[in-house]
Amino acid sequence: MTTFQIDTTHSSIEFSIRHLVIAKVRGRFAKFTGTIELDEGDVTRSAVTAEIDAASIHTNDEKRDAHLRAGDFLDVEAFPKITFASKRIERAGSDLRLTGALTIHGVTRDAVLDVEQLGALKDPWGNQRVAFAAHGSIDRKDFGLQWNMVLEAGGFAIGDKLEISLDVQAVKAT
């Protein structure tokens, strides 16, 4: 196994959710850490862990971000971290399927991400790097994020399906 640390300056954790039935709102988390224990001989024996600072949520609207940090949603005072720990990695054609324990708002559920291996190389400064792109979705209500509002025209203010997108670049630990 080779340990790689996620390079947060070259990685992103983003999400989107349906808003007012007709559109999507997008956001990201600015602060996170993570480790990839990579088995280069058999990637399915690898492991991934990540920790996100829940208060670092950013959706380009300070009032909405404050609401998302409050008790109706993430309740960052009581649950400051969002965590992920892989359980298994399977081949899915030329890509991978990563299943892990995702904890949000104090609730842990399995989450599945479809992962594309983007490559590996030695950078100009001599560091070994690997890169992956991943996407998946969860039902926010499965994690206790229940708040919503019925719209006069029908439907709800926000959807239940939260789409997740990650671009990860990691550097071999020294």
N, C-alpha and C. Protein backbone atom coordinates (compact mmCIF):
# COMPACT_ATOMS: atom_id res chain seq x y z
N MET A 1 0.84 -1.20 0.00
CA MET A 1 0.00 0.00 0.00
C MET A 1 0.88 1.25 0.00
N THR A 2 0.45 2.22 -0.75
CA THR A 2 1.12 3.51 -0.79
C THR A 2 0.14 4.56 -0.30
N THR A 3 0.57 5.40 0.64
CA THR A 3 -0.31 6.42 1.20
C THR A 3 -0.19 7.71 0.40
N PHE A 4 -1.35 8.24 0.00
CA PHE A 4 -1.44 9.52 -0.68
C PHE A 4 -2.34 10.44 0.13
N GLN A 5 -1.93 11.69 0.27
CA GLN A 5 -2.74 12.71 0.96
C GLN A 5 -3.45 13.54 -0.11
N ILE A 6 -4.72 13.81 0.10
CA ILE A 6 -5.46 14.64 -0.85
C ILE A 6 -4.87 16.05 -0.85
N ASP A 7 -4.57 16.53 -2.04
CA ASP A 7 -4.04 17.88 -2.24
C ASP A 7 -5.25 18.80 -2.37
N THR A 8 -5.60 19.46 -1.29
CA THR A 8 -6.84 20.25 -1.27
C THR A 8 -6.78 21.48 -2.17
N THR A 9 -5.59 21.93 -2.53
CA THR A 9 -5.50 23.08 -3.44
C THR A 9 -5.77 22.69 -4.89
N HIS A 10 -5.75 21.39 -5.17
CA HIS A 10 -6.01 20.91 -6.52
C HIS A 10 -7.17 19.91 -6.55
N SER A 11 -8.03 19.97 -5.55
CA SER A 11 -9.17 19.06 -5.45
C SER A 11 -10.42 19.85 -5.12
N SER A 12 -11.58 19.25 -5.36
CA SER A 12 -12.84 19.92 -5.02
C SER A 12 -13.90 18.90 -4.61
N ILE A 13 -14.76 19.35 -3.70
CA ILE A 13 -15.94 18.59 -3.28
C ILE A 13 -17.12 19.51 -3.54
N GLU A 14 -17.95 19.13 -4.52
CA GLU A 14 -19.07 19.97 -4.93
C GLU A 14 -20.37 19.17 -4.86
N PHE A 15 -21.48 19.90 -4.83
CA PHE A 15 -22.79 19.26 -4.78
C PHE A 15 -23.80 20.12 -5.51
N SER A 16 -24.93 19.51 -5.84
CA SER A 16 -26.05 20.26 -6.39
C SER A 16 -27.34 19.61 -5.91
N ILE A 17 -28.39 20.43 -5.87
CA ILE A 17 -29.70 19.96 -5.43
C ILE A 17 -30.77 20.77 -6.15
N ARG A 18 -31.88 20.13 -6.41
CA ARG A 18 -33.00 20.79 -7.09
C ARG A 18 -33.52 21.92 -6.20
N HIS A 19 -33.80 23.06 -6.83
CA HIS A 19 -34.30 24.25 -6.10
C HIS A 19 -35.54 24.77 -6.80
N LEU A 20 -36.61 24.94 -6.02
CA LEU A 20 -37.89 25.46 -6.53
C LEU A 20 -38.39 24.66 -7.73
N VAL A 21 -38.13 23.38 -7.75
CA VAL A 21 -38.57 22.40 -8.74
C VAL A 21 -37.90 22.59 -10.11
N ILE A 22 -37.62 23.82 -10.52
CA ILE A 22 -37.23 24.09 -11.91
C ILE A 22 -35.73 24.27 -12.14
N ALA A 23 -34.94 24.38 -11.10
CA ALA A 23 -33.51 24.67 -11.28
C ALA A 23 -32.68 23.89 -10.27
N LYS A 24 -31.37 24.07 -10.34
CA LYS A 24 -30.47 23.46 -9.38
C LYS A 24 -29.62 24.54 -8.73
N VAL A 25 -29.32 24.33 -7.46
CA VAL A 25 -28.36 25.17 -6.74
C VAL A 25 -27.12 24.33 -6.56
N ARG A 26 -25.97 24.96 -6.76
CA ARG A 26 -24.69 24.26 -6.62
C ARG A 26 -23.90 24.86 -5.46
N GLY A 27 -23.08 24.04 -4.87
CA GLY A 27 -22.24 24.50 -3.77
C GLY A 27 -21.00 23.65 -3.67
N ARG A 28 -20.18 24.00 -2.69
CA ARG A 28 -18.93 23.27 -2.48
C ARG A 28 -18.53 23.37 -1.01
N PHE A 29 -17.58 22.55 -0.64
CA PHE A 29 -16.96 22.64 0.67
C PHE A 29 -15.52 23.10 0.46
N ALA A 30 -15.11 24.12 1.19
CA ALA A 30 -13.78 24.72 1.00
C ALA A 30 -12.69 24.04 1.82
N LYS A 31 -13.05 23.39 2.93
CA LYS A 31 -12.04 22.81 3.82
C LYS A 31 -12.30 21.31 4.01
N PHE A 32 -11.29 20.52 3.68
CA PHE A 32 -11.39 19.06 3.83
C PHE A 32 -9.99 18.46 3.82
N THR A 33 -9.90 17.24 4.31
CA THR A 33 -8.67 16.46 4.27
C THR A 33 -9.03 15.04 3.87
N GLY A 34 -8.03 14.29 3.46
CA GLY A 34 -8.31 12.91 3.11
C GLY A 34 -7.06 12.14 2.79
N THR A 35 -7.19 10.82 2.85
CA THR A 35 -6.09 9.91 2.59
C THR A 35 -6.56 8.79 1.67
N ILE A 36 -5.70 8.44 0.74
CA ILE A 36 -5.94 7.28 -0.12
C ILE A 36 -4.81 6.29 0.16
N GLU A 37 -5.18 5.10 0.60
CA GLU A 37 -4.23 3.99 0.76
C GLU A 37 -4.35 3.18 -0.51
N LEU A 38 -3.44 3.41 -1.45
CA LEU A 38 -3.55 2.86 -2.79
C LEU A 38 -2.74 1.58 -2.94
N ASP A 39 -3.42 0.50 -3.31
CA ASP A 39 -2.77 -0.74 -3.68
C ASP A 39 -2.63 -0.71 -5.19
N GLU A 40 -1.44 -0.37 -5.67
CA GLU A 40 -1.24 -0.18 -7.10
C GLU A 40 -1.33 -1.49 -7.88
N GLY A 41 -1.16 -2.62 -7.22
CA GLY A 41 -1.30 -3.92 -7.86
C GLY A 41 -2.75 -4.35 -8.02
N ASP A 42 -3.59 -3.95 -7.07
CA ASP A 42 -5.02 -4.29 -7.10
C ASP A 42 -5.78 -3.16 -6.43
N VAL A 43 -6.22 -2.21 -7.23
CA VAL A 43 -6.87 -1.00 -6.71
C VAL A 43 -8.11 -1.33 -5.87
N THR A 44 -8.72 -2.48 -6.08
CA THR A 44 -9.90 -2.85 -5.30
C THR A 44 -9.57 -3.14 -3.84
N ARG A 45 -8.29 -3.30 -3.52
CA ARG A 45 -7.87 -3.50 -2.13
C ARG A 45 -7.45 -2.19 -1.47
N SER A 46 -7.65 -1.07 -2.14
CA SER A 46 -7.30 0.25 -1.62
C SER A 46 -8.33 0.72 -0.62
N ALA A 47 -8.05 1.85 0.03
CA ALA A 47 -8.96 2.43 1.02
C ALA A 47 -8.91 3.95 0.94
N VAL A 48 -10.04 4.57 1.25
CA VAL A 48 -10.16 6.03 1.20
C VAL A 48 -10.83 6.52 2.46
N THR A 49 -10.29 7.59 3.05
CA THR A 49 -10.97 8.27 4.15
C THR A 49 -10.94 9.77 3.86
N ALA A 50 -11.97 10.46 4.32
CA ALA A 50 -12.04 11.91 4.14
C ALA A 50 -12.80 12.54 5.29
N GLU A 51 -12.45 13.78 5.58
CA GLU A 51 -13.13 14.56 6.62
C GLU A 51 -13.35 15.96 6.07
N ILE A 52 -14.59 16.42 6.14
CA ILE A 52 -14.98 17.72 5.61
C ILE A 52 -15.39 18.62 6.77
N ASP A 53 -14.92 19.85 6.75
CA ASP A 53 -15.37 20.86 7.71
C ASP A 53 -16.74 21.33 7.25
N ALA A 54 -17.79 20.91 7.94
CA ALA A 54 -19.16 21.22 7.52
C ALA A 54 -19.42 22.72 7.43
N ALA A 55 -18.77 23.50 8.27
CA ALA A 55 -18.98 24.95 8.27
C ALA A 55 -18.38 25.62 7.04
N SER A 56 -17.57 24.90 6.27
CA SER A 56 -16.94 25.49 5.09
C SER A 56 -17.82 25.44 3.86
N ILE A 57 -19.12 25.12 4.04
CA ILE A 57 -20.05 25.07 2.92
C ILE A 57 -20.17 26.45 2.29
N HIS A 58 -20.24 26.47 0.96
CA HIS A 58 -20.31 27.74 0.23
C HIS A 58 -21.19 27.56 -1.00
N THR A 59 -22.25 28.37 -1.09
CA THR A 59 -23.18 28.29 -2.22
C THR A 59 -23.35 29.63 -2.94
N ASN A 60 -22.48 30.58 -2.67
CA ASN A 60 -22.53 31.93 -3.26
C ASN A 60 -23.68 32.77 -2.71
N ASP A 61 -24.22 32.41 -1.56
CA ASP A 61 -25.27 33.20 -0.92
C ASP A 61 -25.09 33.06 0.59
N GLU A 62 -24.61 34.12 1.25
CA GLU A 62 -24.29 34.04 2.68
C GLU A 62 -25.51 33.69 3.54
N LYS A 63 -26.69 34.22 3.20
CA LYS A 63 -27.88 33.89 4.00
C LYS A 63 -28.22 32.40 3.88
N ARG A 64 -28.14 31.88 2.65
CA ARG A 64 -28.41 30.45 2.46
C ARG A 64 -27.36 29.62 3.18
N ASP A 65 -26.07 30.02 3.06
CA ASP A 65 -25.00 29.28 3.73
C ASP A 65 -25.21 29.25 5.25
N ALA A 66 -25.63 30.38 5.82
CA ALA A 66 -25.90 30.44 7.26
C ALA A 66 -27.04 29.48 7.62
N HIS A 67 -28.08 29.42 6.78
CA HIS A 67 -29.19 28.50 7.03
C HIS A 67 -28.72 27.05 6.93
N LEU A 68 -27.87 26.76 5.95
CA LEU A 68 -27.35 25.39 5.79
C LEU A 68 -26.47 24.97 6.97
N ARG A 69 -25.79 25.93 7.60
CA ARG A 69 -24.95 25.63 8.76
C ARG A 69 -25.77 25.45 10.04
N ALA A 70 -26.99 25.96 10.05
CA ALA A 70 -27.85 25.97 11.25
C ALA A 70 -28.54 24.63 11.46
N GLY A 71 -29.35 24.58 12.49
CA GLY A 71 -30.02 23.35 12.92
C GLY A 71 -30.95 22.72 11.91
N ASP A 72 -31.53 23.49 11.00
CA ASP A 72 -32.42 22.91 9.99
C ASP A 72 -31.69 21.95 9.06
N PHE A 73 -30.38 22.15 8.92
CA PHE A 73 -29.61 21.33 7.99
C PHE A 73 -28.40 20.69 8.67
N LEU A 74 -27.22 21.22 8.46
CA LEU A 74 -26.00 20.55 8.94
C LEU A 74 -25.76 20.67 10.44
N ASP A 75 -26.29 21.69 11.07
CA ASP A 75 -26.10 21.91 12.51
C ASP A 75 -24.62 21.76 12.87
N VAL A 76 -23.80 22.66 12.29
CA VAL A 76 -22.35 22.54 12.41
C VAL A 76 -21.84 22.70 13.84
N GLU A 77 -22.62 23.32 14.71
CA GLU A 77 -22.21 23.41 16.12
C GLU A 77 -22.19 22.03 16.76
N ALA A 78 -23.21 21.24 16.48
CA ALA A 78 -23.30 19.89 17.06
C ALA A 78 -22.55 18.85 16.24
N PHE A 79 -22.47 19.07 14.91
CA PHE A 79 -21.87 18.08 14.00
C PHE A 79 -20.88 18.80 13.07
N PRO A 80 -19.71 19.15 13.58
CA PRO A 80 -18.78 19.98 12.80
C PRO A 80 -18.12 19.27 11.61
N LYS A 81 -18.16 17.95 11.58
CA LYS A 81 -17.46 17.21 10.53
C LYS A 81 -18.42 16.31 9.75
N ILE A 82 -18.15 16.20 8.46
CA ILE A 82 -18.76 15.20 7.59
C ILE A 82 -17.62 14.23 7.28
N THR A 83 -17.86 12.93 7.44
CA THR A 83 -16.78 11.97 7.23
C THR A 83 -17.17 10.89 6.23
N PHE A 84 -16.15 10.31 5.63
CA PHE A 84 -16.34 9.19 4.70
C PHE A 84 -15.22 8.19 4.95
N ALA A 85 -15.57 6.92 5.02
CA ALA A 85 -14.59 5.84 5.15
C ALA A 85 -15.02 4.70 4.23
N SER A 86 -14.15 4.35 3.30
CA SER A 86 -14.50 3.32 2.32
C SER A 86 -14.71 1.97 3.00
N LYS A 87 -15.62 1.20 2.41
CA LYS A 87 -15.88 -0.18 2.84
C LYS A 87 -15.41 -1.17 1.78
N ARG A 88 -15.63 -0.80 0.51
CA ARG A 88 -15.20 -1.68 -0.58
C ARG A 88 -15.08 -0.89 -1.87
N ILE A 89 -14.23 -1.40 -2.73
CA ILE A 89 -14.02 -0.85 -4.06
C ILE A 89 -14.17 -2.00 -5.04
N GLU A 90 -15.00 -1.80 -6.04
CA GLU A 90 -15.25 -2.83 -7.04
C GLU A 90 -14.97 -2.27 -8.43
N ARG A 91 -14.60 -3.15 -9.33
CA ARG A 91 -14.45 -2.74 -10.72
C ARG A 91 -15.84 -2.60 -11.34
N ALA A 92 -16.00 -1.57 -12.17
CA ALA A 92 -17.25 -1.32 -12.90
C ALA A 92 -16.84 -0.97 -14.33
N GLY A 93 -16.59 -2.00 -15.12
CA GLY A 93 -16.05 -1.77 -16.46
C GLY A 93 -14.64 -1.24 -16.33
N SER A 94 -14.34 -0.13 -17.00
CA SER A 94 -13.00 0.46 -16.90
C SER A 94 -12.88 1.39 -15.70
N ASP A 95 -14.00 1.63 -15.01
CA ASP A 95 -14.01 2.51 -13.85
C ASP A 95 -14.15 1.70 -12.56
N LEU A 96 -14.41 2.40 -11.47
CA LEU A 96 -14.55 1.78 -10.16
C LEU A 96 -15.85 2.21 -9.50
N ARG A 97 -16.32 1.40 -8.57
CA ARG A 97 -17.46 1.77 -7.72
C ARG A 97 -16.98 1.70 -6.28
N LEU A 98 -17.04 2.85 -5.61
CA LEU A 98 -16.56 3.00 -4.25
C LEU A 98 -17.75 3.09 -3.30
N THR A 99 -17.84 2.17 -2.36
CA THR A 99 -18.90 2.19 -1.35
C THR A 99 -18.25 2.49 -0.01
N GLY A 100 -18.86 3.42 0.74
CA GLY A 100 -18.30 3.76 2.03
C GLY A 100 -19.33 4.28 2.99
N ALA A 101 -18.92 4.41 4.24
CA ALA A 101 -19.76 4.93 5.30
C ALA A 101 -19.63 6.45 5.30
N LEU A 102 -20.73 7.12 4.97
CA LEU A 102 -20.79 8.58 4.95
C LEU A 102 -21.57 9.03 6.17
N THR A 103 -20.97 9.95 6.95
CA THR A 103 -21.64 10.47 8.13
C THR A 103 -21.89 11.96 7.96
N ILE A 104 -23.16 12.32 7.99
CA ILE A 104 -23.60 13.71 7.90
C ILE A 104 -24.62 13.93 9.01
N HIS A 105 -24.48 15.03 9.74
CA HIS A 105 -25.47 15.38 10.76
C HIS A 105 -25.61 14.28 11.80
N GLY A 106 -24.50 13.55 12.06
CA GLY A 106 -24.51 12.50 13.06
C GLY A 106 -25.12 11.19 12.62
N VAL A 107 -25.52 11.09 11.34
CA VAL A 107 -26.15 9.88 10.81
C VAL A 107 -25.20 9.25 9.80
N THR A 108 -24.98 7.94 9.93
CA THR A 108 -24.09 7.23 9.02
C THR A 108 -24.90 6.29 8.14
N ARG A 109 -24.67 6.41 6.84
CA ARG A 109 -25.31 5.55 5.84
C ARG A 109 -24.27 5.23 4.78
N ASP A 110 -24.50 4.14 4.06
CA ASP A 110 -23.63 3.83 2.93
C ASP A 110 -23.90 4.81 1.79
N ALA A 111 -22.84 5.19 1.12
CA ALA A 111 -22.92 6.02 -0.08
C ALA A 111 -22.07 5.36 -1.14
N VAL A 112 -22.51 5.44 -2.39
CA VAL A 112 -21.81 4.82 -3.50
C VAL A 112 -21.39 5.91 -4.48
N LEU A 113 -20.12 5.86 -4.86
CA LEU A 113 -19.57 6.81 -5.82
C LEU A 113 -19.01 6.04 -7.02
N ASP A 114 -19.33 6.51 -8.21
CA ASP A 114 -18.71 5.98 -9.41
C ASP A 114 -17.42 6.76 -9.62
N VAL A 115 -16.31 6.04 -9.77
CA VAL A 115 -14.99 6.66 -9.77
C VAL A 115 -14.26 6.36 -11.08
N GLU A 116 -13.68 7.42 -11.63
CA GLU A 116 -12.83 7.29 -12.81
C GLU A 116 -11.39 7.56 -12.38
N GLN A 117 -10.49 6.64 -12.70
CA GLN A 117 -9.06 6.85 -12.46
C GLN A 117 -8.54 7.74 -13.58
N LEU A 118 -8.06 8.93 -13.22
CA LEU A 118 -7.61 9.87 -14.24
C LEU A 118 -6.15 9.71 -14.60
N GLY A 119 -5.37 9.13 -13.69
CA GLY A 119 -3.97 8.89 -14.01
C GLY A 119 -3.06 9.07 -12.83
N ALA A 120 -1.79 8.82 -13.10
CA ALA A 120 -0.72 8.96 -12.10
C ALA A 120 0.50 9.48 -12.82
N LEU A 121 1.29 10.32 -12.11
CA LEU A 121 2.52 10.84 -12.70
C LEU A 121 3.42 11.43 -11.63
N LYS A 122 4.64 11.72 -12.03
CA LYS A 122 5.55 12.45 -11.16
C LYS A 122 5.50 13.90 -11.61
N ASP A 123 5.21 14.81 -10.68
CA ASP A 123 5.09 16.22 -11.04
C ASP A 123 6.47 16.85 -11.23
N PRO A 124 6.55 18.10 -11.71
CA PRO A 124 7.86 18.73 -11.95
C PRO A 124 8.72 18.91 -10.70
N TRP A 125 8.16 18.76 -9.52
CA TRP A 125 8.90 18.92 -8.27
C TRP A 125 9.28 17.57 -7.65
N GLY A 126 9.03 16.48 -8.40
CA GLY A 126 9.43 15.16 -7.96
C GLY A 126 8.42 14.42 -7.11
N ASN A 127 7.22 14.96 -6.95
CA ASN A 127 6.18 14.31 -6.15
C ASN A 127 5.35 13.36 -7.02
N GLN A 128 5.07 12.17 -6.47
CA GLN A 128 4.20 11.23 -7.15
C GLN A 128 2.75 11.63 -6.88
N ARG A 129 1.94 11.75 -7.94
CA ARG A 129 0.54 12.17 -7.82
C ARG A 129 -0.37 11.16 -8.49
N VAL A 130 -1.60 11.07 -7.97
CA VAL A 130 -2.68 10.31 -8.58
C VAL A 130 -3.90 11.22 -8.64
N ALA A 131 -4.80 10.94 -9.58
CA ALA A 131 -6.00 11.76 -9.70
C ALA A 131 -7.21 10.88 -10.01
N PHE A 132 -8.35 11.28 -9.43
CA PHE A 132 -9.60 10.57 -9.60
C PHE A 132 -10.74 11.58 -9.73
N ALA A 133 -11.78 11.19 -10.44
CA ALA A 133 -13.04 11.95 -10.47
C ALA A 133 -14.12 11.00 -9.99
N ALA A 134 -15.04 11.50 -9.18
CA ALA A 134 -16.10 10.64 -8.63
C ALA A 134 -17.42 11.40 -8.61
N HIS A 135 -18.49 10.65 -8.76
CA HIS A 135 -19.82 11.25 -8.64
C HIS A 135 -20.80 10.21 -8.12
N GLY A 136 -21.84 10.73 -7.49
CA GLY A 136 -22.89 9.88 -6.95
C GLY A 136 -24.00 10.75 -6.41
N SER A 137 -24.94 10.13 -5.75
CA SER A 137 -26.03 10.89 -5.14
C SER A 137 -26.49 10.20 -3.87
N ILE A 138 -27.05 11.01 -2.99
CA ILE A 138 -27.65 10.50 -1.75
C ILE A 138 -29.00 11.17 -1.57
N ASP A 139 -29.83 10.59 -0.74
CA ASP A 139 -31.08 11.22 -0.33
C ASP A 139 -30.79 11.95 0.97
N ARG A 140 -30.90 13.26 0.95
CA ARG A 140 -30.55 14.07 2.13
C ARG A 140 -31.39 13.69 3.35
N LYS A 141 -32.62 13.25 3.14
CA LYS A 141 -33.49 12.88 4.26
C LYS A 141 -32.98 11.64 5.00
N ASP A 142 -32.23 10.78 4.30
CA ASP A 142 -31.63 9.61 4.95
C ASP A 142 -30.64 10.01 6.04
N PHE A 143 -30.16 11.26 5.98
CA PHE A 143 -29.17 11.77 6.94
C PHE A 143 -29.79 12.78 7.92
N GLY A 144 -31.12 12.76 8.01
CA GLY A 144 -31.80 13.63 8.96
C GLY A 144 -31.95 15.07 8.51
N LEU A 145 -31.68 15.36 7.26
CA LEU A 145 -31.81 16.72 6.73
C LEU A 145 -33.23 16.86 6.16
N GLN A 146 -34.18 17.12 7.05
CA GLN A 146 -35.60 17.04 6.71
C GLN A 146 -36.24 18.35 6.25
N TRP A 147 -35.65 19.49 6.59
CA TRP A 147 -36.30 20.77 6.35
C TRP A 147 -36.70 20.92 4.88
N ASN A 148 -37.90 21.48 4.68
CA ASN A 148 -38.38 21.81 3.34
C ASN A 148 -39.57 22.75 3.47
N MET A 149 -40.04 23.22 2.35
CA MET A 149 -41.18 24.14 2.32
C MET A 149 -42.02 23.80 1.10
N VAL A 150 -43.35 23.67 1.31
CA VAL A 150 -44.27 23.42 0.20
C VAL A 150 -44.45 24.72 -0.57
N LEU A 151 -44.39 24.62 -1.89
CA LEU A 151 -44.57 25.79 -2.74
C LEU A 151 -46.04 25.98 -3.10
N GLU A 152 -46.47 27.20 -3.20
CA GLU A 152 -47.86 27.51 -3.54
C GLU A 152 -48.25 26.89 -4.87
N ALA A 153 -47.33 26.86 -5.83
CA ALA A 153 -47.61 26.31 -7.16
C ALA A 153 -47.48 24.79 -7.20
N GLY A 154 -47.10 24.17 -6.09
CA GLY A 154 -46.91 22.73 -6.02
C GLY A 154 -45.44 22.38 -5.96
N GLY A 155 -45.14 21.26 -5.37
CA GLY A 155 -43.75 20.84 -5.21
C GLY A 155 -43.14 21.41 -3.95
N PHE A 156 -41.83 21.25 -3.84
CA PHE A 156 -41.11 21.66 -2.64
C PHE A 156 -39.98 22.61 -2.98
N ALA A 157 -39.56 23.39 -2.00
CA ALA A 157 -38.49 24.37 -2.20
C ALA A 157 -37.18 23.69 -2.61
N ILE A 158 -36.86 22.55 -1.99
CA ILE A 158 -35.64 21.84 -2.36
C ILE A 158 -35.92 20.36 -2.54
N GLY A 159 -35.16 19.76 -3.42
CA GLY A 159 -35.32 18.33 -3.68
C GLY A 159 -34.68 17.48 -2.60
N ASP A 160 -34.91 16.20 -2.69
CA ASP A 160 -34.32 15.26 -1.74
C ASP A 160 -32.99 14.70 -2.23
N LYS A 161 -32.82 14.60 -3.56
CA LYS A 161 -31.62 14.00 -4.14
C LYS A 161 -30.49 15.03 -4.19
N LEU A 162 -29.43 14.73 -3.47
CA LEU A 162 -28.25 15.58 -3.43
C LEU A 162 -27.18 14.91 -4.29
N GLU A 163 -26.78 15.59 -5.36
CA GLU A 163 -25.77 15.06 -6.26
C GLU A 163 -24.39 15.51 -5.80
N ILE A 164 -23.45 14.58 -5.81
CA ILE A 164 -22.09 14.82 -5.30
C ILE A 164 -21.10 14.65 -6.44
N SER A 165 -20.13 15.55 -6.50
CA SER A 165 -19.09 15.48 -7.53
C SER A 165 -17.74 15.81 -6.89
N LEU A 166 -16.76 14.94 -7.10
CA LEU A 166 -15.43 15.16 -6.54
C LEU A 166 -14.38 15.09 -7.64
N ASP A 167 -13.43 15.98 -7.58
CA ASP A 167 -12.22 15.91 -8.38
C ASP A 167 -11.08 15.89 -7.37
N VAL A 168 -10.33 14.80 -7.38
CA VAL A 168 -9.32 14.61 -6.34
C VAL A 168 -7.96 14.38 -6.97
N GLN A 169 -7.01 15.15 -6.48
CA GLN A 169 -5.61 14.95 -6.81
C GLN A 169 -4.91 14.69 -5.47
N ALA A 170 -4.10 13.66 -5.42
CA ALA A 170 -3.45 13.31 -4.16
C ALA A 170 -1.94 13.13 -4.39
N VAL A 171 -1.18 13.44 -3.35
CA VAL A 171 0.28 13.39 -3.41
C VAL A 171 0.78 12.31 -2.47
N LYS A 172 1.75 11.54 -2.96
CA LYS A 172 2.34 10.47 -2.14
C LYS A 172 2.93 11.07 -0.88
N ALA A 173 2.54 10.49 0.26
CA ALA A 173 3.04 10.97 1.56
C ALA A 173 4.52 10.63 1.68
N THR A 174 5.23 11.54 2.33
CA THR A 174 6.68 11.31 2.49
C THR A 174 7.01 10.97 3.92
